[in-house]
Amino acid sequence: ARGRGWQLTIGAALFLQLACAAAAGTTQRSIRQSVTVADKQARM
């Protein structure tokens, strides 16, 4: 609804969403690197 409280809530939700995306992406890349053999990592 209208109001500064909701603006702060939406801002916090956006921050959490970006933090989750960063955590998921970093974890995904780490897993991908650990299961791929060394000479195929650039291609992956």
Full PDB file with SEQRES, HELIX, SHEET, SSBOND, CRYST1, ORIGX, SCALE, CONECT and MASTER records, all heavy atoms in Angstrom:
SEQRES   1 A   44  ALA ARG GLY ARG GLY TRP GLN LEU THR ILE GLY ALA ALA          
SEQRES   2 A   44  LEU PHE LEU GLN LEU ALA CYS ALA ALA ALA ALA GLY THR          
SEQRES   3 A   44  THR GLN ARG SER ILE ARG GLN SER VAL THR VAL ALA ASP          
SEQRES   4 A   44  LYS GLN ALA ARG MET                                          
HELIX    1 AA1 ARG A    4  VAL A   35  1                                  32    
HELIX    2 AA2 ALA A   38  LYS A   40  5                                   3    
CRYST1    1.000    1.000    1.000  90.00  90.00  90.00 P 1           1          
ORIGX1      1.000000  0.000000  0.000000        0.00000                         
ORIGX2      0.000000  1.000000  0.000000        0.00000                         
ORIGX3      0.000000  0.000000  1.000000        0.00000                         
SCALE1      1.000000  0.000000  0.000000        0.00000                         
SCALE2      0.000000  1.000000  0.000000        0.00000                         
SCALE3      0.000000  0.000000  1.000000        0.00000                         
ATOM      1  N   ALA A   1       0.873  -1.177   0.000  1.00  0.00           N  
ATOM      2  CA  ALA A   1       0.000   0.000   0.000  1.00  0.00           C  
ATOM      3  C   ALA A   1       0.912   1.229   0.000  1.00  0.00           C  
ATOM      4  O   ALA A   1       2.136   1.110  -0.035  1.00  0.00           O  
ATOM      5  CB  ALA A   1      -0.893  -0.017   1.234  1.00  0.00           C  
ATOM      6  N   ARG A   2       0.326   2.385   0.046  1.00  0.00           N  
ATOM      7  CA  ARG A   2       1.133   3.609   0.062  1.00  0.00           C  
ATOM      8  C   ARG A   2       1.836   3.753   1.403  1.00  0.00           C  
ATOM      9  O   ARG A   2       1.345   3.307   2.424  1.00  0.00           O  
ATOM     10  CB  ARG A   2       0.248   4.823  -0.164  1.00  0.00           C  
ATOM     11  CG  ARG A   2      -0.315   4.859  -1.540  1.00  0.00           C  
ATOM     12  CD  ARG A   2      -1.177   6.075  -1.708  1.00  0.00           C  
ATOM     13  NE  ARG A   2      -1.833   6.014  -2.993  1.00  0.00           N  
ATOM     14  CZ  ARG A   2      -1.896   7.020  -3.830  1.00  0.00           C  
ATOM     15  NH1 ARG A   2      -1.387   8.183  -3.507  1.00  0.00           N  
ATOM     16  NH2 ARG A   2      -2.499   6.873  -4.976  1.00  0.00           N  
ATOM     17  N   GLY A   3       2.986   4.378   1.352  1.00  0.00           N  
ATOM     18  CA  GLY A   3       3.682   4.680   2.602  1.00  0.00           C  
ATOM     19  C   GLY A   3       5.141   4.281   2.566  1.00  0.00           C  
ATOM     20  O   GLY A   3       5.562   3.417   1.793  1.00  0.00           O  
ATOM     21  N   ARG A   4       5.904   4.954   3.403  1.00  0.00           N  
ATOM     22  CA  ARG A   4       7.339   4.703   3.466  1.00  0.00           C  
ATOM     23  C   ARG A   4       7.649   3.289   3.965  1.00  0.00           C  
ATOM     24  O   ARG A   4       8.620   2.673   3.547  1.00  0.00           O  
ATOM     25  CB  ARG A   4       8.023   5.725   4.352  1.00  0.00           C  
ATOM     26  CG  ARG A   4       9.491   5.449   4.438  1.00  0.00           C  
ATOM     27  CD  ARG A   4      10.404   6.596   4.613  1.00  0.00           C  
ATOM     28  NE  ARG A   4      10.076   7.829   3.968  1.00  0.00           N  
ATOM     29  CZ  ARG A   4      10.686   8.273   2.877  1.00  0.00           C  
ATOM     30  NH1 ARG A   4      11.607   7.541   2.301  1.00  0.00           N  
ATOM     31  NH2 ARG A   4      10.381   9.437   2.380  1.00  0.00           N  
ATOM     32  N   GLY A   5       6.828   2.781   4.853  1.00  0.00           N  
ATOM     33  CA  GLY A   5       7.063   1.428   5.370  1.00  0.00           C  
ATOM     34  C   GLY A   5       7.051   0.383   4.268  1.00  0.00           C  
ATOM     35  O   GLY A   5       7.887  -0.521   4.243  1.00  0.00           O  
ATOM     36  N   TRP A   6       6.103   0.519   3.354  1.00  0.00           N  
ATOM     37  CA  TRP A   6       6.026  -0.438   2.245  1.00  0.00           C  
ATOM     38  C   TRP A   6       7.178  -0.237   1.265  1.00  0.00           C  
ATOM     39  O   TRP A   6       7.659  -1.193   0.667  1.00  0.00           O  
ATOM     40  CB  TRP A   6       4.690  -0.344   1.531  1.00  0.00           C  
ATOM     41  CG  TRP A   6       3.621  -1.066   2.290  1.00  0.00           C  
ATOM     42  CD1 TRP A   6       2.595  -0.512   2.978  1.00  0.00           C  
ATOM     43  CD2 TRP A   6       3.511  -2.472   2.468  1.00  0.00           C  
ATOM     44  NE1 TRP A   6       1.846  -1.496   3.564  1.00  0.00           N  
ATOM     45  CE2 TRP A   6       2.386  -2.706   3.270  1.00  0.00           C  
ATOM     46  CE3 TRP A   6       4.252  -3.564   2.035  1.00  0.00           C  
ATOM     47  CZ2 TRP A   6       1.989  -3.983   3.641  1.00  0.00           C  
ATOM     48  CZ3 TRP A   6       3.849  -4.837   2.399  1.00  0.00           C  
ATOM     49  CH2 TRP A   6       2.734  -5.032   3.201  1.00  0.00           C  
ATOM     50  N   GLN A   7       7.612   1.003   1.095  1.00  0.00           N  
ATOM     51  CA  GLN A   7       8.773   1.243   0.230  1.00  0.00           C  
ATOM     52  C   GLN A   7      10.011   0.551   0.788  1.00  0.00           C  
ATOM     53  O   GLN A   7      10.767  -0.072   0.044  1.00  0.00           O  
ATOM     54  CB  GLN A   7       9.025   2.747   0.089  1.00  0.00           C  
ATOM     55  CG  GLN A   7       7.981   3.463  -0.718  1.00  0.00           C  
ATOM     56  CD  GLN A   7       8.211   4.965  -0.742  1.00  0.00           C  
ATOM     57  OE1 GLN A   7       9.078   5.482  -0.042  1.00  0.00           O  
ATOM     58  NE2 GLN A   7       7.439   5.661  -1.555  1.00  0.00           N  
ATOM     59  N   LEU A   8      10.186   0.652   2.096  1.00  0.00           N  
ATOM     60  CA  LEU A   8      11.329  -0.019   2.728  1.00  0.00           C  
ATOM     61  C   LEU A   8      11.198  -1.540   2.647  1.00  0.00           C  
ATOM     62  O   LEU A   8      12.182  -2.250   2.438  1.00  0.00           O  
ATOM     63  CB  LEU A   8      11.465   0.434   4.175  1.00  0.00           C  
ATOM     64  CG  LEU A   8      11.843   1.901   4.372  1.00  0.00           C  
ATOM     65  CD1 LEU A   8      11.769   2.276   5.840  1.00  0.00           C  
ATOM     66  CD2 LEU A   8      13.210   2.188   3.789  1.00  0.00           C  
ATOM     67  N   THR A   9       9.972  -2.028   2.794  1.00  0.00           N  
ATOM     68  CA  THR A   9       9.741  -3.474   2.702  1.00  0.00           C  
ATOM     69  C   THR A   9      10.051  -3.989   1.294  1.00  0.00           C  
ATOM     70  O   THR A   9      10.695  -5.025   1.139  1.00  0.00           O  
ATOM     71  CB  THR A   9       8.283  -3.798   3.074  1.00  0.00           C  
ATOM     72  OG1 THR A   9       8.028  -3.322   4.396  1.00  0.00           O  
ATOM     73  CG2 THR A   9       8.022  -5.288   3.012  1.00  0.00           C  
ATOM     74  N   ILE A  10       9.612  -3.262   0.288  1.00  0.00           N  
ATOM     75  CA  ILE A  10       9.883  -3.670  -1.093  1.00  0.00           C  
ATOM     76  C   ILE A  10      11.383  -3.585  -1.377  1.00  0.00           C  
ATOM     77  O   ILE A  10      11.953  -4.449  -2.047  1.00  0.00           O  
ATOM     78  CB  ILE A  10       9.059  -2.820  -2.077  1.00  0.00           C  
ATOM     79  CG1 ILE A  10       7.582  -3.191  -1.949  1.00  0.00           C  
ATOM     80  CG2 ILE A  10       9.529  -3.018  -3.512  1.00  0.00           C  
ATOM     81  CD1 ILE A  10       6.645  -2.300  -2.728  1.00  0.00           C  
ATOM     82  N   GLY A  11      12.044  -2.557  -0.845  1.00  0.00           N  
ATOM     83  CA  GLY A  11      13.495  -2.448  -1.014  1.00  0.00           C  
ATOM     84  C   GLY A  11      14.232  -3.605  -0.365  1.00  0.00           C  
ATOM     85  O   GLY A  11      15.175  -4.155  -0.934  1.00  0.00           O  
ATOM     86  N   ALA A  12      13.805  -3.998   0.831  1.00  0.00           N  
ATOM     87  CA  ALA A  12      14.427  -5.138   1.509  1.00  0.00           C  
ATOM     88  C   ALA A  12      14.176  -6.432   0.743  1.00  0.00           C  
ATOM     89  O   ALA A  12      15.065  -7.293   0.639  1.00  0.00           O  
ATOM     90  CB  ALA A  12      13.889  -5.251   2.934  1.00  0.00           C  
ATOM     91  N   ALA A  13      12.969  -6.579   0.188  1.00  0.00           N  
ATOM     92  CA  ALA A  13      12.649  -7.782  -0.594  1.00  0.00           C  
ATOM     93  C   ALA A  13      13.510  -7.837  -1.859  1.00  0.00           C  
ATOM     94  O   ALA A  13      13.988  -8.907  -2.246  1.00  0.00           O  
ATOM     95  CB  ALA A  13      11.174  -7.806  -0.951  1.00  0.00           C  
ATOM     96  N   LEU A  14      13.720  -6.681  -2.490  1.00  0.00           N  
ATOM     97  CA  LEU A  14      14.570  -6.642  -3.670  1.00  0.00           C  
ATOM     98  C   LEU A  14      16.014  -6.990  -3.321  1.00  0.00           C  
ATOM     99  O   LEU A  14      16.673  -7.737  -4.041  1.00  0.00           O  
ATOM    100  CB  LEU A  14      14.505  -5.265  -4.329  1.00  0.00           C  
ATOM    101  CG  LEU A  14      15.417  -5.057  -5.541  1.00  0.00           C  
ATOM    102  CD1 LEU A  14      15.048  -6.027  -6.656  1.00  0.00           C  
ATOM    103  CD2 LEU A  14      15.330  -3.629  -6.028  1.00  0.00           C  
ATOM    104  N   PHE A  15      16.495  -6.470  -2.203  1.00  0.00           N  
ATOM    105  CA  PHE A  15      17.847  -6.813  -1.753  1.00  0.00           C  
ATOM    106  C   PHE A  15      17.973  -8.312  -1.509  1.00  0.00           C  
ATOM    107  O   PHE A  15      18.952  -8.936  -1.920  1.00  0.00           O  
ATOM    108  CB  PHE A  15      18.201  -6.034  -0.484  1.00  0.00           C  
ATOM    109  CG  PHE A  15      19.540  -6.388   0.062  1.00  0.00           C  
ATOM    110  CD1 PHE A  15      20.693  -5.879  -0.521  1.00  0.00           C  
ATOM    111  CD2 PHE A  15      19.664  -7.237   1.144  1.00  0.00           C  
ATOM    112  CE1 PHE A  15      21.942  -6.199  -0.028  1.00  0.00           C  
ATOM    113  CE2 PHE A  15      20.902  -7.576   1.643  1.00  0.00           C  
ATOM    114  CZ  PHE A  15      22.055  -7.058   1.057  1.00  0.00           C  
ATOM    115  N   LEU A  16      16.977  -8.898  -0.857  1.00  0.00           N  
ATOM    116  CA  LEU A  16      16.995 -10.346  -0.606  1.00  0.00           C  
ATOM    117  C   LEU A  16      16.960 -11.126  -1.907  1.00  0.00           C  
ATOM    118  O   LEU A  16      17.654 -12.129  -2.066  1.00  0.00           O  
ATOM    119  CB  LEU A  16      15.819 -10.746   0.290  1.00  0.00           C  
ATOM    120  CG  LEU A  16      15.695 -12.233   0.621  1.00  0.00           C  
ATOM    121  CD1 LEU A  16      16.921 -12.712   1.387  1.00  0.00           C  
ATOM    122  CD2 LEU A  16      14.431 -12.486   1.413  1.00  0.00           C  
ATOM    123  N   GLN A  17      16.167 -10.655  -2.869  1.00  0.00           N  
ATOM    124  CA  GLN A  17      16.094 -11.329  -4.166  1.00  0.00           C  
ATOM    125  C   GLN A  17      17.452 -11.297  -4.870  1.00  0.00           C  
ATOM    126  O   GLN A  17      17.899 -12.311  -5.425  1.00  0.00           O  
ATOM    127  CB  GLN A  17      15.035 -10.673  -5.027  1.00  0.00           C  
ATOM    128  CG  GLN A  17      14.828 -11.345  -6.363  1.00  0.00           C  
ATOM    129  CD  GLN A  17      13.755 -10.650  -7.175  1.00  0.00           C  
ATOM    130  OE1 GLN A  17      13.329  -9.542  -6.857  1.00  0.00           O  
ATOM    131  NE2 GLN A  17      13.306 -11.298  -8.233  1.00  0.00           N  
ATOM    132  N   LEU A  18      18.117 -10.163  -4.855  1.00  0.00           N  
ATOM    133  CA  LEU A  18      19.438 -10.066  -5.489  1.00  0.00           C  
ATOM    134  C   LEU A  18      20.476 -10.912  -4.761  1.00  0.00           C  
ATOM    135  O   LEU A  18      21.337 -11.531  -5.394  1.00  0.00           O  
ATOM    136  CB  LEU A  18      19.876  -8.601  -5.543  1.00  0.00           C  
ATOM    137  CG  LEU A  18      19.046  -7.702  -6.459  1.00  0.00           C  
ATOM    138  CD1 LEU A  18      19.483  -6.250  -6.311  1.00  0.00           C  
ATOM    139  CD2 LEU A  18      19.143  -8.160  -7.895  1.00  0.00           C  
ATOM    140  N   ALA A  19      20.398 -10.956  -3.437  1.00  0.00           N  
ATOM    141  CA  ALA A  19      21.329 -11.784  -2.666  1.00  0.00           C  
ATOM    142  C   ALA A  19      21.114 -13.268  -2.977  1.00  0.00           C  
ATOM    143  O   ALA A  19      22.079 -14.033  -3.115  1.00  0.00           O  
ATOM    144  CB  ALA A  19      21.149 -11.524  -1.175  1.00  0.00           C  
ATOM    145  N   CYS A  20      19.849 -13.670  -3.101  1.00  0.00           N  
ATOM    146  CA  CYS A  20      19.555 -15.070  -3.447  1.00  0.00           C  
ATOM    147  C   CYS A  20      20.057 -15.404  -4.843  1.00  0.00           C  
ATOM    148  O   CYS A  20      20.597 -16.492  -5.071  1.00  0.00           O  
ATOM    149  CB  CYS A  20      18.051 -15.328  -3.354  1.00  0.00           C  
ATOM    150  SG  CYS A  20      17.420 -15.413  -1.682  1.00  0.00           S  
ATOM    151  N   ALA A  21      19.896 -14.487  -5.784  1.00  0.00           N  
ATOM    152  CA  ALA A  21      20.374 -14.730  -7.142  1.00  0.00           C  
ATOM    153  C   ALA A  21      21.891 -14.851  -7.167  1.00  0.00           C  
ATOM    154  O   ALA A  21      22.438 -15.725  -7.851  1.00  0.00           O  
ATOM    155  CB  ALA A  21      19.923 -13.599  -8.069  1.00  0.00           C  
ATOM    156  N   ALA A  22      22.573 -14.023  -6.407  1.00  0.00           N  
ATOM    157  CA  ALA A  22      24.038 -14.107  -6.344  1.00  0.00           C  
ATOM    158  C   ALA A  22      24.483 -15.411  -5.699  1.00  0.00           C  
ATOM    159  O   ALA A  22      25.419 -16.063  -6.178  1.00  0.00           O  
ATOM    160  CB  ALA A  22      24.590 -12.911  -5.576  1.00  0.00           C  
ATOM    161  N   ALA A  23      23.821 -15.806  -4.621  1.00  0.00           N  
ATOM    162  CA  ALA A  23      24.187 -17.053  -3.941  1.00  0.00           C  
ATOM    163  C   ALA A  23      23.933 -18.267  -4.832  1.00  0.00           C  
ATOM    164  O   ALA A  23      24.761 -19.179  -4.908  1.00  0.00           O  
ATOM    165  CB  ALA A  23      23.409 -17.184  -2.640  1.00  0.00           C  
ATOM    166  N   ALA A  24      22.799 -18.283  -5.510  1.00  0.00           N  
ATOM    167  CA  ALA A  24      22.477 -19.411  -6.387  1.00  0.00           C  
ATOM    168  C   ALA A  24      23.441 -19.471  -7.565  1.00  0.00           C  
ATOM    169  O   ALA A  24      23.918 -20.553  -7.942  1.00  0.00           O  
ATOM    170  CB  ALA A  24      21.042 -19.316  -6.885  1.00  0.00           C  
ATOM    171  N   GLY A  25      23.751 -18.327  -8.155  1.00  0.00           N  
ATOM    172  CA  GLY A  25      24.671 -18.306  -9.297  1.00  0.00           C  
ATOM    173  C   GLY A  25      26.072 -18.735  -8.926  1.00  0.00           C  
ATOM    174  O   GLY A  25      26.712 -19.502  -9.650  1.00  0.00           O  
ATOM    175  N   THR A  26      26.554 -18.250  -7.786  1.00  0.00           N  
ATOM    176  CA  THR A  26      27.896 -18.619  -7.336  1.00  0.00           C  
ATOM    177  C   THR A  26      27.978 -20.103  -7.022  1.00  0.00           C  
ATOM    178  O   THR A  26      28.937 -20.778  -7.406  1.00  0.00           O  
ATOM    179  CB  THR A  26      28.273 -17.798  -6.095  1.00  0.00           C  
ATOM    180  OG1 THR A  26      28.176 -16.414  -6.426  1.00  0.00           O  
ATOM    181  CG2 THR A  26      29.673 -18.120  -5.626  1.00  0.00           C  
ATOM    182  N   THR A  27      26.965 -20.617  -6.347  1.00  0.00           N  
ATOM    183  CA  THR A  27      26.945 -22.041  -6.019  1.00  0.00           C  
ATOM    184  C   THR A  27      26.864 -22.885  -7.279  1.00  0.00           C  
ATOM    185  O   THR A  27      27.548 -23.905  -7.411  1.00  0.00           O  
ATOM    186  CB  THR A  27      25.762 -22.359  -5.091  1.00  0.00           C  
ATOM    187  OG1 THR A  27      25.819 -21.498  -3.957  1.00  0.00           O  
ATOM    188  CG2 THR A  27      25.797 -23.805  -4.638  1.00  0.00           C  
ATOM    189  N   GLN A  28      26.055 -22.454  -8.228  1.00  0.00           N  
ATOM    190  CA  GLN A  28      25.912 -23.197  -9.482  1.00  0.00           C  
ATOM    191  C   GLN A  28      27.241 -23.249 -10.240  1.00  0.00           C  
ATOM    192  O   GLN A  28      27.636 -24.302 -10.743  1.00  0.00           O  
ATOM    193  CB  GLN A  28      24.839 -22.546 -10.341  1.00  0.00           C  
ATOM    194  CG  GLN A  28      24.552 -23.276 -11.624  1.00  0.00           C  
ATOM    195  CD  GLN A  28      23.510 -22.546 -12.462  1.00  0.00           C  
ATOM    196  OE1 GLN A  28      23.316 -21.348 -12.306  1.00  0.00           O  
ATOM    197  NE2 GLN A  28      22.856 -23.272 -13.328  1.00  0.00           N  
ATOM    198  N   ARG A  29      27.937 -22.125 -10.312  1.00  0.00           N  
ATOM    199  CA  ARG A  29      29.231 -22.114 -11.004  1.00  0.00           C  
ATOM    200  C   ARG A  29      30.262 -22.975 -10.286  1.00  0.00           C  
ATOM    201  O   ARG A  29      31.054 -23.670 -10.925  1.00  0.00           O  
ATOM    202  CB  ARG A  29      29.740 -20.682 -11.145  1.00  0.00           C  
ATOM    203  CG  ARG A  29      29.045 -19.924 -12.253  1.00  0.00           C  
ATOM    204  CD  ARG A  29      29.672 -18.563 -12.488  1.00  0.00           C  
ATOM    205  NE  ARG A  29      29.481 -17.647 -11.372  1.00  0.00           N  
ATOM    206  CZ  ARG A  29      28.371 -16.946 -11.154  1.00  0.00           C  
ATOM    207  NH1 ARG A  29      27.346 -17.084 -11.976  1.00  0.00           N  
ATOM    208  NH2 ARG A  29      28.280 -16.122 -10.132  1.00  0.00           N  
ATOM    209  N   SER A  30      30.246 -22.965  -8.961  1.00  0.00           N  
ATOM    210  CA  SER A  30      31.191 -23.779  -8.195  1.00  0.00           C  
ATOM    211  C   SER A  30      30.944 -25.263  -8.427  1.00  0.00           C  
ATOM    212  O   SER A  30      31.890 -26.041  -8.613  1.00  0.00           O  
ATOM    213  CB  SER A  30      31.078 -23.462  -6.708  1.00  0.00           C  
ATOM    214  OG  SER A  30      31.418 -22.132  -6.461  1.00  0.00           O  
ATOM    215  N   ILE A  31      29.686 -25.665  -8.425  1.00  0.00           N  
ATOM    216  CA  ILE A  31      29.354 -27.070  -8.669  1.00  0.00           C  
ATOM    217  C   ILE A  31      29.751 -27.459 -10.087  1.00  0.00           C  
ATOM    218  O   ILE A  31      30.324 -28.523 -10.319  1.00  0.00           O  
ATOM    219  CB  ILE A  31      27.856 -27.331  -8.414  1.00  0.00           C  
ATOM    220  CG1 ILE A  31      27.550 -27.213  -6.925  1.00  0.00           C  
ATOM    221  CG2 ILE A  31      27.442 -28.691  -8.948  1.00  0.00           C  
ATOM    222  CD1 ILE A  31      26.079 -27.241  -6.596  1.00  0.00           C  
ATOM    223  N   ARG A  32      29.461 -26.576 -11.041  1.00  0.00           N  
ATOM    224  CA  ARG A  32      29.805 -26.858 -12.435  1.00  0.00           C  
ATOM    225  C   ARG A  32      31.317 -27.044 -12.595  1.00  0.00           C  
ATOM    226  O   ARG A  32      31.765 -27.942 -13.296  1.00  0.00           O  
ATOM    227  CB  ARG A  32      29.313 -25.721 -13.326  1.00  0.00           C  
ATOM    228  CG  ARG A  32      29.379 -26.054 -14.787  1.00  0.00           C  
ATOM    229  CD  ARG A  32      28.926 -24.901 -15.673  1.00  0.00           C  
ATOM    230  NE  ARG A  32      27.635 -24.365 -15.282  1.00  0.00           N  
ATOM    231  CZ  ARG A  32      27.418 -23.085 -15.012  1.00  0.00           C  
ATOM    232  NH1 ARG A  32      28.367 -22.197 -15.103  1.00  0.00           N  
ATOM    233  NH2 ARG A  32      26.216 -22.675 -14.667  1.00  0.00           N  
ATOM    234  N   GLN A  33      32.105 -26.217 -11.941  1.00  0.00           N  
ATOM    235  CA  GLN A  33      33.559 -26.335 -12.049  1.00  0.00           C  
ATOM    236  C   GLN A  33      34.083 -27.597 -11.372  1.00  0.00           C  
ATOM    237  O   GLN A  33      35.047 -28.201 -11.837  1.00  0.00           O  
ATOM    238  CB  GLN A  33      34.241 -25.121 -11.447  1.00  0.00           C  
ATOM    239  CG  GLN A  33      34.137 -23.904 -12.315  1.00  0.00           C  
ATOM    240  CD  GLN A  33      34.804 -22.694 -11.678  1.00  0.00           C  
ATOM    241  OE1 GLN A  33      35.110 -22.699 -10.489  1.00  0.00           O  
ATOM    242  NE2 GLN A  33      35.024 -21.666 -12.473  1.00  0.00           N  
ATOM    243  N   SER A  34      33.441 -27.992 -10.272  1.00  0.00           N  
ATOM    244  CA  SER A  34      33.942 -29.172  -9.559  1.00  0.00           C  
ATOM    245  C   SER A  34      33.617 -30.482 -10.272  1.00  0.00           C  
ATOM    246  O   SER A  34      34.334 -31.463 -10.096  1.00  0.00           O  
ATOM    247  CB  SER A  34      33.404 -29.204  -8.135  1.00  0.00           C  
ATOM    248  OG  SER A  34      32.024 -29.445  -8.129  1.00  0.00           O  
ATOM    249  N   VAL A  35      32.563 -30.515 -11.083  1.00  0.00           N  
ATOM    250  CA  VAL A  35      32.207 -31.763 -11.763  1.00  0.00           C  
ATOM    251  C   VAL A  35      32.744 -31.842 -13.188  1.00  0.00           C  
ATOM    252  O   VAL A  35      32.634 -32.881 -13.826  1.00  0.00           O  
ATOM    253  CB  VAL A  35      30.677 -31.994 -11.782  1.00  0.00           C  
ATOM    254  CG1 VAL A  35      30.136 -32.091 -10.379  1.00  0.00           C  
ATOM    255  CG2 VAL A  35      29.964 -30.934 -12.577  1.00  0.00           C  
ATOM    256  N   THR A  36      33.324 -30.750 -13.687  1.00  0.00           N  
ATOM    257  CA  THR A  36      33.853 -30.735 -15.047  1.00  0.00           C  
ATOM    258  C   THR A  36      35.357 -30.980 -15.012  1.00  0.00           C  
ATOM    259  O   THR A  36      36.063 -30.402 -14.190  1.00  0.00           O  
ATOM    260  CB  THR A  36      33.578 -29.369 -15.718  1.00  0.00           C  
ATOM    261  OG1 THR A  36      32.178 -29.119 -15.654  1.00  0.00           O  
ATOM    262  CG2 THR A  36      34.033 -29.360 -17.156  1.00  0.00           C  
ATOM    263  N   VAL A  37      35.836 -31.830 -15.909  1.00  0.00           N  
ATOM    264  CA  VAL A  37      37.278 -32.095 -15.961  1.00  0.00           C  
ATOM    265  C   VAL A  37      38.015 -30.827 -16.382  1.00  0.00           C  
ATOM    266  O   VAL A  37      37.463 -29.940 -17.052  1.00  0.00           O  
ATOM    267  CB  VAL A  37      37.594 -33.253 -16.941  1.00  0.00           C  
ATOM    268  CG1 VAL A  37      37.033 -34.559 -16.407  1.00  0.00           C  
ATOM    269  CG2 VAL A  37      37.045 -32.979 -18.311  1.00  0.00           C  
ATOM    270  N   ALA A  38      39.265 -30.720 -15.978  1.00  0.00           N  
ATOM    271  CA  ALA A  38      40.031 -29.477 -16.132  1.00  0.00           C  
ATOM    272  C   ALA A  38      40.143 -29.009 -17.584  1.00  0.00           C  
ATOM    273  O   ALA A  38      40.033 -27.819 -17.865  1.00  0.00           O  
ATOM    274  CB  ALA A  38      41.414 -29.648 -15.525  1.00  0.00           C  
ATOM    275  N   ASP A  39      40.347 -29.924 -18.519  1.00  0.00           N  
ATOM    276  CA  ASP A  39      40.549 -29.489 -19.907  1.00  0.00           C  
ATOM    277  C   ASP A  39      39.244 -29.108 -20.614  1.00  0.00           C  
ATOM    278  O   ASP A  39      39.272 -28.568 -21.718  1.00  0.00           O  
ATOM    279  CB  ASP A  39      41.296 -30.565 -20.701  1.00  0.00           C  
ATOM    280  CG  ASP A  39      40.537 -31.884 -20.767  1.00  0.00           C  
ATOM    281  OD1 ASP A  39      39.746 -32.151 -19.855  1.00  0.00           O  
ATOM    282  OD2 ASP A  39      40.761 -32.630 -21.731  1.00  0.00           O  
ATOM    283  N   LYS A  40      38.104 -29.329 -19.992  1.00  0.00           N  
ATOM    284  CA  LYS A  40      36.812 -28.966 -20.591  1.00  0.00           C  
ATOM    285  C   LYS A  40      36.136 -27.784 -19.885  1.00  0.00           C  
ATOM    286  O   LYS A  40      35.036 -27.400 -20.241  1.00  0.00           O  
ATOM    287  CB  LYS A  40      35.856 -30.161 -20.543  1.00  0.00           C  
ATOM    288  CG  LYS A  40      36.348 -31.382 -21.257  1.00  0.00           C  
ATOM    289  CD  LYS A  40      36.315 -31.176 -22.748  1.00  0.00           C  
ATOM    290  CE  LYS A  40      36.713 -32.489 -23.420  1.00  0.00           C  
ATOM    291  NZ  LYS A  40      37.154 -32.299 -24.761  1.00  0.00           N  
ATOM    292  N   GLN A  41      36.783 -27.184 -18.885  1.00  0.00           N  
ATOM    293  CA  GLN A  41      36.140 -26.120 -18.126  1.00  0.00           C  
ATOM    294  C   GLN A  41      35.880 -24.871 -18.963  1.00  0.00           C  
ATOM    295  O   GLN A  41      34.860 -24.218 -18.801  1.00  0.00           O  
ATOM    296  CB  GLN A  41      36.957 -25.778 -16.885  1.00  0.00           C  
ATOM    297  CG  GLN A  41      36.793 -26.820 -15.810  1.00  0.00           C  
ATOM    298  CD  GLN A  41      37.369 -26.382 -14.488  1.00  0.00           C  
ATOM    299  OE1 GLN A  41      37.876 -25.282 -14.345  1.00  0.00           O  
ATOM    300  NE2 GLN A  41      37.297 -27.272 -13.512  1.00  0.00           N  
ATOM    301  N   ALA A  42      36.785 -24.531 -19.849  1.00  0.00           N  
ATOM    302  CA  ALA A  42      36.573 -23.354 -20.696  1.00  0.00           C  
ATOM    303  C   ALA A  42      35.372 -23.562 -21.609  1.00  0.00           C  
ATOM    304  O   ALA A  42      34.556 -22.654 -21.797  1.00  0.00           O  
ATOM    305  CB  ALA A  42      37.823 -23.059 -21.518  1.00  0.00           C  
ATOM    306  N   ARG A  43      35.240 -24.752 -22.144  1.00  0.00           N  
ATOM    307  CA  ARG A  43      34.099 -25.040 -23.011  1.00  0.00           C  
ATOM    308  C   ARG A  43      32.795 -25.021 -22.214  1.00  0.00           C  
ATOM    309  O   ARG A  43      31.781 -24.517 -22.679  1.00  0.00           O  
ATOM    310  CB  ARG A  43      34.282 -26.409 -23.670  1.00  0.00           C  
ATOM    311  CG  ARG A  43      33.181 -26.715 -24.670  1.00  0.00           C  
ATOM    312  CD  ARG A  43      33.454 -27.971 -25.418  1.00  0.00           C  
ATOM    313  NE  ARG A  43      34.648 -27.763 -26.236  1.00  0.00           N  
ATOM    314  CZ  ARG A  43      35.004 -28.549 -27.234  1.00  0.00           C  
ATOM    315  NH1 ARG A  43      34.264 -29.597 -27.528  1.00  0.00           N  
ATOM    316  NH2 ARG A  43      36.085 -28.321 -27.917  1.00  0.00           N  
ATOM    317  N   MET A  44      32.824 -25.560 -21.007  1.00  0.00           N  
ATOM    318  CA  MET A  44      31.624 -25.560 -20.155  1.00  0.00           C  
ATOM    319  C   MET A  44      31.215 -24.126 -19.803  1.00  0.00           C  
ATOM    320  O   MET A  44      30.038 -23.781 -19.831  1.00  0.00           O  
ATOM    321  CB  MET A  44      31.867 -26.352 -18.871  1.00  0.00           C  
ATOM    322  CG  MET A  44      30.696 -26.370 -17.933  1.00  0.00           C  
ATOM    323  SD  MET A  44      29.189 -27.061 -18.627  1.00  0.00           S  
ATOM    324  CE  MET A  44      29.629 -28.759 -18.691  1.00  0.00           C  
TER     325      MET A  44                                                      
MASTER        0    0    0    2    0    0    0    6  324    1    0    4          
END                                                                             
